[in-house]
């Protein structure tokens, strides 16, 4: 039996030294489609949506509201279906 593929949701480079996690638009266990808006991050003066990197289920989250982030930080994991 093969294990389903796991895809890490990572914070893209946003060109700002200060990035803060805002909120999740989905919950652990929810089904997501690649490209869906699943989370939101803040930089001074702007809000950015984080898209799902794959189609599957959100199985874990690492980012918490108001937590500072760096580019490439792992935000969560999607298990592909």
PDB file of N, CA and C in Angstrom:
ATOM      1  N   UNK A   1       0.843  -1.180   0.000  1.00  0.00           N
ATOM      2  CA  UNK A   1       0.000   0.000   0.000  1.00  0.00           C
ATOM      3  C   UNK A   1       0.886   1.239   0.000  1.00  0.00           C
ATOM      4  N   UNK A   2       0.610   2.158  -0.915  1.00  0.00           N
ATOM      5  CA  UNK A   2       1.422   3.367  -0.990  1.00  0.00           C
ATOM      6  C   UNK A   2       0.814   4.471  -0.136  1.00  0.00           C
ATOM      7  N   UNK A   3       1.690   5.285   0.390  1.00  0.00           N
ATOM      8  CA  UNK A   3       1.267   6.425   1.203  1.00  0.00           C
ATOM      9  C   UNK A   3       0.845   7.565   0.275  1.00  0.00           C
ATOM     10  N   UNK A   4      -0.215   8.306   0.631  1.00  0.00           N
ATOM     11  CA  UNK A   4      -0.598   9.461  -0.192  1.00  0.00           C
ATOM     12  C   UNK A   4       0.484  10.535  -0.122  1.00  0.00           C
ATOM     13  N   UNK A   5       0.583  11.309  -1.183  1.00  0.00           N
ATOM     14  CA  UNK A   5       1.567  12.391  -1.219  1.00  0.00           C
ATOM     15  C   UNK A   5       1.187  13.488  -0.240  1.00  0.00           C
ATOM     16  N   UNK A   6       2.191  13.998   0.451  1.00  0.00           N
ATOM     17  CA  UNK A   6       2.013  15.105   1.395  1.00  0.00           C
ATOM     18  C   UNK A   6       2.686  16.330   0.788  1.00  0.00           C
ATOM     19  N   UNK A   7       1.976  17.441   0.789  1.00  0.00           N
ATOM     20  CA  UNK A   7       2.518  18.682   0.254  1.00  0.00           C
ATOM     21  C   UNK A   7       2.521  19.721   1.364  1.00  0.00           C
ATOM     22  N   UNK A   8       3.667  20.323   1.579  1.00  0.00           N
ATOM     23  CA  UNK A   8       3.789  21.361   2.599  1.00  0.00           C
ATOM     24  C   UNK A   8       3.328  22.692   2.027  1.00  0.00           C
ATOM     25  N   UNK A   9       2.522  23.389   2.790  1.00  0.00           N
ATOM     26  CA  UNK A   9       2.087  24.737   2.431  1.00  0.00           C
ATOM     27  C   UNK A   9       3.167  25.673   2.955  1.00  0.00           C
ATOM     28  N   UNK A  10       3.810  26.412   2.063  1.00  0.00           N
ATOM     29  CA  UNK A  10       4.898  27.300   2.480  1.00  0.00           C
ATOM     30  C   UNK A  10       4.558  28.748   2.166  1.00  0.00           C
ATOM     31  N   UNK A  11       5.133  29.635   2.950  1.00  0.00           N
ATOM     32  CA  UNK A  11       4.941  31.060   2.748  1.00  0.00           C
ATOM     33  C   UNK A  11       5.814  31.518   1.584  1.00  0.00           C
ATOM     34  N   UNK A  12       5.202  32.127   0.555  1.00  0.00           N
ATOM     35  CA  UNK A  12       6.010  32.632  -0.552  1.00  0.00           C
ATOM     36  C   UNK A  12       6.781  33.889  -0.156  1.00  0.00           C
ATOM     37  N   UNK A  13       7.753  34.249  -0.959  1.00  0.00           N
ATOM     38  CA  UNK A  13       8.497  35.493  -0.775  1.00  0.00           C
ATOM     39  C   UNK A  13       7.547  36.643  -1.114  1.00  0.00           C
ATOM     40  N   UNK A  14       7.340  37.551  -0.174  1.00  0.00           N
ATOM     41  CA  UNK A  14       6.410  38.652  -0.389  1.00  0.00           C
ATOM     42  C   UNK A  14       7.102  40.009  -0.455  1.00  0.00           C
ATOM     43  N   UNK A  15       8.408  40.023  -0.389  1.00  0.00           N
ATOM     44  CA  UNK A  15       9.145  41.273  -0.521  1.00  0.00           C
ATOM     45  C   UNK A  15       9.058  42.185   0.678  1.00  0.00           C
ATOM     46  N   UNK A  16       8.744  41.640   1.833  1.00  0.00           N
ATOM     47  CA  UNK A  16       8.670  42.452   3.042  1.00  0.00           C
ATOM     48  C   UNK A  16       9.423  41.751   4.160  1.00  0.00           C
ATOM     49  N   UNK A  17      10.093  42.531   4.984  1.00  0.00           N
ATOM     50  CA  UNK A  17      10.822  41.951   6.113  1.00  0.00           C
ATOM     51  C   UNK A  17       9.872  41.517   7.222  1.00  0.00           C
ATOM     52  N   UNK A  18       8.661  42.079   7.243  1.00  0.00           N
ATOM     53  CA  UNK A  18       7.722  41.783   8.324  1.00  0.00           C
ATOM     54  C   UNK A  18       6.462  41.137   7.751  1.00  0.00           C
ATOM     55  N   UNK A  19       6.277  39.855   8.036  1.00  0.00           N
ATOM     56  CA  UNK A  19       5.086  39.123   7.604  1.00  0.00           C
ATOM     57  C   UNK A  19       4.480  38.475   8.852  1.00  0.00           C
ATOM     58  N   UNK A  20       3.167  38.613   8.993  1.00  0.00           N
ATOM     59  CA  UNK A  20       2.464  38.058  10.144  1.00  0.00           C
ATOM     60  C   UNK A  20       1.335  37.172   9.636  1.00  0.00           C
ATOM     61  N   UNK A  21       1.197  35.984  10.231  1.00  0.00           N
ATOM     62  CA  UNK A  21       0.085  35.111   9.866  1.00  0.00           C
ATOM     63  C   UNK A  21      -1.198  35.712  10.410  1.00  0.00           C
ATOM     64  N   UNK A  22      -2.254  35.702   9.592  1.00  0.00           N
ATOM     65  CA  UNK A  22      -3.528  36.278  10.009  1.00  0.00           C
ATOM     66  C   UNK A  22      -4.523  35.195  10.392  1.00  0.00           C
ATOM     67  N   UNK A  23      -4.950  34.375   9.412  1.00  0.00           N
ATOM     68  CA  UNK A  23      -5.962  33.371   9.723  1.00  0.00           C
ATOM     69  C   UNK A  23      -6.029  32.283   8.670  1.00  0.00           C
ATOM     70  N   UNK A  24      -6.640  31.170   9.075  1.00  0.00           N
ATOM     71  CA  UNK A  24      -6.946  30.059   8.170  1.00  0.00           C
ATOM     72  C   UNK A  24      -8.372  30.239   7.677  1.00  0.00           C
ATOM     73  N   UNK A  25      -8.590  30.013   6.386  1.00  0.00           N
ATOM     74  CA  UNK A  25      -9.937  30.030   5.816  1.00  0.00           C
ATOM     75  C   UNK A  25     -10.548  28.633   5.803  1.00  0.00           C
ATOM     76  N   UNK A  26      -9.744  27.628   6.118  1.00  0.00           N
ATOM     77  CA  UNK A  26     -10.206  26.234   6.175  1.00  0.00           C
ATOM     78  C   UNK A  26      -9.750  25.631   7.492  1.00  0.00           C
ATOM     79  N   UNK A  27     -10.337  24.495   7.834  1.00  0.00           N
ATOM     80  CA  UNK A  27      -9.975  23.796   9.079  1.00  0.00           C
ATOM     81  C   UNK A  27      -9.299  22.480   8.747  1.00  0.00           C
ATOM     82  N   UNK A  28      -8.545  21.963   9.714  1.00  0.00           N
ATOM     83  CA  UNK A  28      -7.949  20.637   9.560  1.00  0.00           C
ATOM     84  C   UNK A  28      -9.066  19.649   9.254  1.00  0.00           C
ATOM     85  N   UNK A  29      -8.852  18.838   8.229  1.00  0.00           N
ATOM     86  CA  UNK A  29      -9.845  17.863   7.795  1.00  0.00           C
ATOM     87  C   UNK A  29     -10.651  18.322   6.596  1.00  0.00           C
ATOM     88  N   UNK A  30     -10.632  19.640   6.302  1.00  0.00           N
ATOM     89  CA  UNK A  30     -11.376  20.157   5.154  1.00  0.00           C
ATOM     90  C   UNK A  30     -10.686  19.760   3.852  1.00  0.00           C
ATOM     91  N   UNK A  31     -11.510  19.528   2.842  1.00  0.00           N
ATOM     92  CA  UNK A  31     -11.004  19.247   1.501  1.00  0.00           C
ATOM     93  C   UNK A  31     -10.697  20.571   0.823  1.00  0.00           C
ATOM     94  N   UNK A  32      -9.555  20.646   0.128  1.00  0.00           N
ATOM     95  CA  UNK A  32      -9.146  21.847  -0.593  1.00  0.00           C
ATOM     96  C   UNK A  32      -8.801  21.470  -2.029  1.00  0.00           C
ATOM     97  N   UNK A  33      -8.927  22.440  -2.912  1.00  0.00           N
ATOM     98  CA  UNK A  33      -8.555  22.259  -4.311  1.00  0.00           C
ATOM     99  C   UNK A  33      -7.367  23.162  -4.600  1.00  0.00           C
ATOM    100  N   UNK A  34      -6.417  22.652  -5.356  1.00  0.00           N
ATOM    101  CA  UNK A  34      -5.234  23.440  -5.687  1.00  0.00           C
ATOM    102  C   UNK A  34      -5.649  24.828  -6.168  1.00  0.00           C
ATOM    103  N   UNK A  35      -5.038  25.849  -5.584  1.00  0.00           N
ATOM    104  CA  UNK A  35      -5.332  27.228  -5.939  1.00  0.00           C
ATOM    105  C   UNK A  35      -6.370  27.897  -5.062  1.00  0.00           C
ATOM    106  N   UNK A  36      -7.128  27.103  -4.279  1.00  0.00           N
ATOM    107  CA  UNK A  36      -8.107  27.690  -3.354  1.00  0.00           C
ATOM    108  C   UNK A  36      -7.411  28.601  -2.350  1.00  0.00           C
ATOM    109  N   UNK A  37      -8.086  29.656  -1.952  1.00  0.00           N
ATOM    110  CA  UNK A  37      -7.587  30.536  -0.889  1.00  0.00           C
ATOM    111  C   UNK A  37      -7.787  29.794   0.433  1.00  0.00           C
ATOM    112  N   UNK A  38      -6.689  29.467   1.123  1.00  0.00           N
ATOM    113  CA  UNK A  38      -6.827  28.696   2.364  1.00  0.00           C
ATOM    114  C   UNK A  38      -6.341  29.440   3.599  1.00  0.00           C
ATOM    115  N   UNK A  39      -5.523  30.476   3.411  1.00  0.00           N
ATOM    116  CA  UNK A  39      -4.999  31.225   4.552  1.00  0.00           C
ATOM    117  C   UNK A  39      -4.719  32.658   4.122  1.00  0.00           C
ATOM    118  N   UNK A  40      -4.430  33.475   5.114  1.00  0.00           N
ATOM    119  CA  UNK A  40      -4.181  34.898   4.878  1.00  0.00           C
ATOM    120  C   UNK A  40      -2.994  35.345   5.722  1.00  0.00           C
ATOM    121  N   UNK A  41      -2.107  36.134   5.108  1.00  0.00           N
ATOM    122  CA  UNK A  41      -0.979  36.718   5.830  1.00  0.00           C
ATOM    123  C   UNK A  41      -0.990  38.226   5.621  1.00  0.00           C
ATOM    124  N   UNK A  42      -0.366  38.933   6.542  1.00  0.00           N
ATOM    125  CA  UNK A  42      -0.334  40.389   6.497  1.00  0.00           C
ATOM    126  C   UNK A  42       1.094  40.897   6.397  1.00  0.00           C
ATOM    127  N   UNK A  43       1.278  41.910   5.563  1.00  0.00           N
ATOM    128  CA  UNK A  43       2.516  42.680   5.576  1.00  0.00           C
ATOM    129  C   UNK A  43       2.080  44.124   5.784  1.00  0.00           C
ATOM    130  N   UNK A  44       2.990  45.009   6.164  1.00  0.00           N
ATOM    131  CA  UNK A  44       2.562  46.396   6.373  1.00  0.00           C
ATOM    132  C   UNK A  44       1.848  46.950   5.135  1.00  0.00           C
ATOM    133  N   UNK A  45       0.581  47.310   5.317  1.00  0.00           N
ATOM    134  CA  UNK A  45      -0.185  47.926   4.252  1.00  0.00           C
ATOM    135  C   UNK A  45      -0.876  46.990   3.282  1.00  0.00           C
ATOM    136  N   UNK A  46      -0.773  45.670   3.468  1.00  0.00           N
ATOM    137  CA  UNK A  46      -1.401  44.749   2.518  1.00  0.00           C
ATOM    138  C   UNK A  46      -1.738  43.405   3.162  1.00  0.00           C
ATOM    139  N   UNK A  47      -2.721  42.742   2.561  1.00  0.00           N
ATOM    140  CA  UNK A  47      -3.125  41.399   2.958  1.00  0.00           C
ATOM    141  C   UNK A  47      -2.935  40.487   1.751  1.00  0.00           C
ATOM    142  N   UNK A  48      -2.365  39.299   1.965  1.00  0.00           N
ATOM    143  CA  UNK A  48      -2.147  38.350   0.880  1.00  0.00           C
ATOM    144  C   UNK A  48      -2.812  37.026   1.208  1.00  0.00           C
ATOM    145  N   UNK A  49      -3.443  36.442   0.182  1.00  0.00           N
ATOM    146  CA  UNK A  49      -4.016  35.107   0.318  1.00  0.00           C
ATOM    147  C   UNK A  49      -2.953  34.070   0.024  1.00  0.00           C
ATOM    148  N   UNK A  50      -3.009  32.964   0.753  1.00  0.00           N
ATOM    149  CA  UNK A  50      -2.122  31.824   0.505  1.00  0.00           C
ATOM    150  C   UNK A  50      -2.973  30.750  -0.170  1.00  0.00           C
ATOM    151  N   UNK A  51      -2.580  30.299  -1.380  1.00  0.00           N
ATOM    152  CA  UNK A  51      -3.361  29.289  -2.082  1.00  0.00           C
ATOM    153  C   UNK A  51      -2.964  27.870  -1.658  1.00  0.00           C
ATOM    154  N   UNK A  52      -3.907  26.948  -1.833  1.00  0.00           N
ATOM    155  CA  UNK A  52      -3.605  25.530  -1.591  1.00  0.00           C
ATOM    156  C   UNK A  52      -2.611  25.071  -2.664  1.00  0.00           C
ATOM    157  N   UNK A  53      -1.542  24.399  -2.270  1.00  0.00           N
ATOM    158  CA  UNK A  53      -0.540  23.958  -3.234  1.00  0.00           C
ATOM    159  C   UNK A  53      -0.927  22.671  -3.965  1.00  0.00           C
ATOM    160  N   UNK A  54      -1.988  21.996  -3.490  1.00  0.00           N
ATOM    161  CA  UNK A  54      -2.407  20.725  -4.075  1.00  0.00           C
ATOM    162  C   UNK A  54      -3.861  20.467  -3.706  1.00  0.00           C
ATOM    163  N   UNK A  55      -4.472  19.525  -4.394  1.00  0.00           N
ATOM    164  CA  UNK A  55      -5.834  19.104  -4.069  1.00  0.00           C
ATOM    165  C   UNK A  55      -5.763  17.961  -3.077  1.00  0.00           C
ATOM    166  N   UNK A  56      -6.547  18.035  -2.026  1.00  0.00           N
ATOM    167  CA  UNK A  56      -6.551  16.991  -1.001  1.00  0.00           C
ATOM    168  C   UNK A  56      -7.212  17.484   0.268  1.00  0.00           C
ATOM    169  N   UNK A  57      -6.712  17.012   1.402  1.00  0.00           N
ATOM    170  CA  UNK A  57      -7.244  17.429   2.710  1.00  0.00           C
ATOM    171  C   UNK A  57      -6.149  18.122   3.516  1.00  0.00           C
ATOM    172  N   UNK A  58      -6.539  19.198   4.199  1.00  0.00           N
ATOM    173  CA  UNK A  58      -5.632  19.868   5.124  1.00  0.00           C
ATOM    174  C   UNK A  58      -5.532  18.975   6.351  1.00  0.00           C
ATOM    175  N   UNK A  59      -4.332  18.487   6.646  1.00  0.00           N
ATOM    176  CA  UNK A  59      -4.190  17.534   7.752  1.00  0.00           C
ATOM    177  C   UNK A  59      -3.479  18.102   8.969  1.00  0.00           C
ATOM    178  N   UNK A  60      -2.750  19.199   8.789  1.00  0.00           N
ATOM    179  CA  UNK A  60      -2.109  19.828   9.947  1.00  0.00           C
ATOM    180  C   UNK A  60      -1.803  21.283   9.633  1.00  0.00           C
ATOM    181  N   UNK A  61      -1.794  22.094  10.683  1.00  0.00           N
ATOM    182  CA  UNK A  61      -1.447  23.505  10.556  1.00  0.00           C
ATOM    183  C   UNK A  61      -0.357  23.821  11.578  1.00  0.00           C
ATOM    184  N   UNK A  62       0.544  24.701  11.182  1.00  0.00           N
ATOM    185  CA  UNK A  62       1.636  25.105  12.064  1.00  0.00           C
ATOM    186  C   UNK A  62       1.541  26.583  12.420  1.00  0.00           C
ATOM    187  N   UNK A  63       0.987  27.386  11.512  1.00  0.00           N
ATOM    188  CA  UNK A  63       0.936  28.839  11.710  1.00  0.00           C
ATOM    189  C   UNK A  63      -0.225  29.221  12.618  1.00  0.00           C
ATOM    190  N   UNK A  64       0.055  30.125  13.529  1.00  0.00           N
ATOM    191  CA  UNK A  64      -0.948  30.624  14.472  1.00  0.00           C
ATOM    192  C   UNK A  64      -1.197  32.099  14.222  1.00  0.00           C
ATOM    193  N   UNK A  65      -2.420  32.577  14.481  1.00  0.00           N
ATOM    194  CA  UNK A  65      -2.711  33.996  14.299  1.00  0.00           C
ATOM    195  C   UNK A  65      -1.708  34.886  15.040  1.00  0.00           C
ATOM    196  N   UNK A  66      -1.313  35.949  14.377  1.00  0.00           N
ATOM    197  CA  UNK A  66      -0.379  36.966  14.886  1.00  0.00           C
ATOM    198  C   UNK A  66       1.064  36.484  15.002  1.00  0.00           C
ATOM    199  N   UNK A  67       1.358  35.287  14.518  1.00  0.00           N
ATOM    200  CA  UNK A  67       2.731  34.775  14.570  1.00  0.00           C
ATOM    201  C   UNK A  67       3.561  35.383  13.442  1.00  0.00           C
ATOM    202  N   UNK A  68       4.772  35.865  13.758  1.00  0.00           N
ATOM    203  CA  UNK A  68       5.650  36.366  12.702  1.00  0.00           C
ATOM    204  C   UNK A  68       6.155  35.199  11.855  1.00  0.00           C
ATOM    205  N   UNK A  69       6.345  35.463  10.555  1.00  0.00           N
ATOM    206  CA  UNK A  69       6.773  34.415   9.627  1.00  0.00           C
ATOM    207  C   UNK A  69       7.952  34.890   8.790  1.00  0.00           C
ATOM    208  N   UNK A  70       8.701  33.944   8.263  1.00  0.00           N
ATOM    209  CA  UNK A  70       9.767  34.241   7.320  1.00  0.00           C
ATOM    210  C   UNK A  70       9.457  33.527   6.011  1.00  0.00           C
ATOM    211  N   UNK A  71       9.954  34.052   4.868  1.00  0.00           N
ATOM    212  CA  UNK A  71       9.704  33.393   3.589  1.00  0.00           C
ATOM    213  C   UNK A  71      10.129  31.928   3.638  1.00  0.00           C
ATOM    214  N   UNK A  72       9.300  31.076   3.081  1.00  0.00           N
ATOM    215  CA  UNK A  72       9.584  29.647   3.069  1.00  0.00           C
ATOM    216  C   UNK A  72       9.106  28.907   4.300  1.00  0.00           C
ATOM    217  N   UNK A  73       8.568  29.635   5.286  1.00  0.00           N
ATOM    218  CA  UNK A  73       8.082  28.986   6.516  1.00  0.00           C
ATOM    219  C   UNK A  73       6.967  27.992   6.173  1.00  0.00           C
ATOM    220  N   UNK A  74       6.967  26.857   6.850  1.00  0.00           N
ATOM    221  CA  UNK A  74       5.905  25.861   6.677  1.00  0.00           C
ATOM    222  C   UNK A  74       4.671  26.322   7.443  1.00  0.00           C
ATOM    223  N   UNK A  75       3.545  26.391   6.736  1.00  0.00           N
ATOM    224  CA  UNK A  75       2.290  26.831   7.352  1.00  0.00           C
ATOM    225  C   UNK A  75       1.393  25.651   7.698  1.00  0.00           C
ATOM    226  N   UNK A  76       1.495  24.574   6.937  1.00  0.00           N
ATOM    227  CA  UNK A  76       0.641  23.408   7.160  1.00  0.00           C
ATOM    228  C   UNK A  76       0.939  22.332   6.132  1.00  0.00           C
ATOM    229  N   UNK A  77       0.091  21.290   6.119  1.00  0.00           N
ATOM    230  CA  UNK A  77       0.294  20.163   5.208  1.00  0.00           C
ATOM    231  C   UNK A  77      -1.033  19.728   4.593  1.00  0.00           C
ATOM    232  N   UNK A  78      -0.986  19.459   3.288  1.00  0.00           N
ATOM    233  CA  UNK A  78      -2.114  18.892   2.556  1.00  0.00           C
ATOM    234  C   UNK A  78      -1.737  17.475   2.146  1.00  0.00           C
ATOM    235  N   UNK A  79      -2.628  16.519   2.399  1.00  0.00           N
ATOM    236  CA  UNK A  79      -2.435  15.163   1.905  1.00  0.00           C
ATOM    237  C   UNK A  79      -3.282  15.039   0.642  1.00  0.00           C
ATOM    238  N   UNK A  80      -2.613  14.713  -0.452  1.00  0.00           N
ATOM    239  CA  UNK A  80      -3.287  14.639  -1.737  1.00  0.00           C
ATOM    240  C   UNK A  80      -4.184  13.412  -1.813  1.00  0.00           C
ATOM    241  N   UNK A  81      -5.315  13.598  -2.489  1.00  0.00           N
ATOM    242  CA  UNK A  81      -6.279  12.512  -2.649  1.00  0.00           C
ATOM    243  C   UNK A  81      -6.329  12.054  -4.084  1.00  0.00           C
TER     244      UNK A  81
END
